[in-house]
């Protein structure tokens, strides 16, 4: 069976949600079954019980877990990060309040699905993902659950400090991001390849990067806005 893209899976969920809502038979098990077997390993599907008044008492159950190798899973362990739990048990409460609780509240109050793209930080990593949240429809009452599908586009480590880049740093990093070699970067900046190599070594120290690949990842995260 061909695995679905996020847009295909989201469209299918939205179509099913509309049909089931109109029939008065909106069931999260039926809704999730429409896509569950076609999800990619970088997707997460969760069902959240939203009946409690306190969102920290909302309970999240994982129906499909993220399964791509990542440093964030090594730091916390797959079982810890993706275990069924109450929102109040999740270890990164700053992420939860910044990127999840307000969004869920808006969806269950409107009782309408919402699709968005998220850029946020969690456990020392910058994360970019697409998300669709589909709520239970309870006319005249409270939405009792939400089904959420996310596809993680990118997980990048955060710099440990502000590298304080100068103009030469910015020029070298830009060309490094474009795949330039030391020779090619030198030709574009008027620096010798040896000087470029020294500049890259200095950048690795500024970012506390282990190697050039790590430097590129950290510098992209920094460019996306933020460091710890």
Foldseek 3Di string as FASTA:
>chain_A
DAADDPVVLLVLLQVVLVVCVVVVNDDVVVSCVSHLVRHDLQKWKWKWFPPDPDQQQIKIATSHHRDDDDPVCVVQPRCLQHPTGGNVPNPFVVCCVVPPDVVVVVCFVVQAKDWDWDWDDDPQKTWTKIKIKHFADDVPDTTGMIIMMMGTDDIFGEQADDLPDDPLLVLLLVVVLVVDQLCRSCVVPVHHSVVSVVSQVSLCVSRVNPDSVNSNRHVVNVVVPDHD
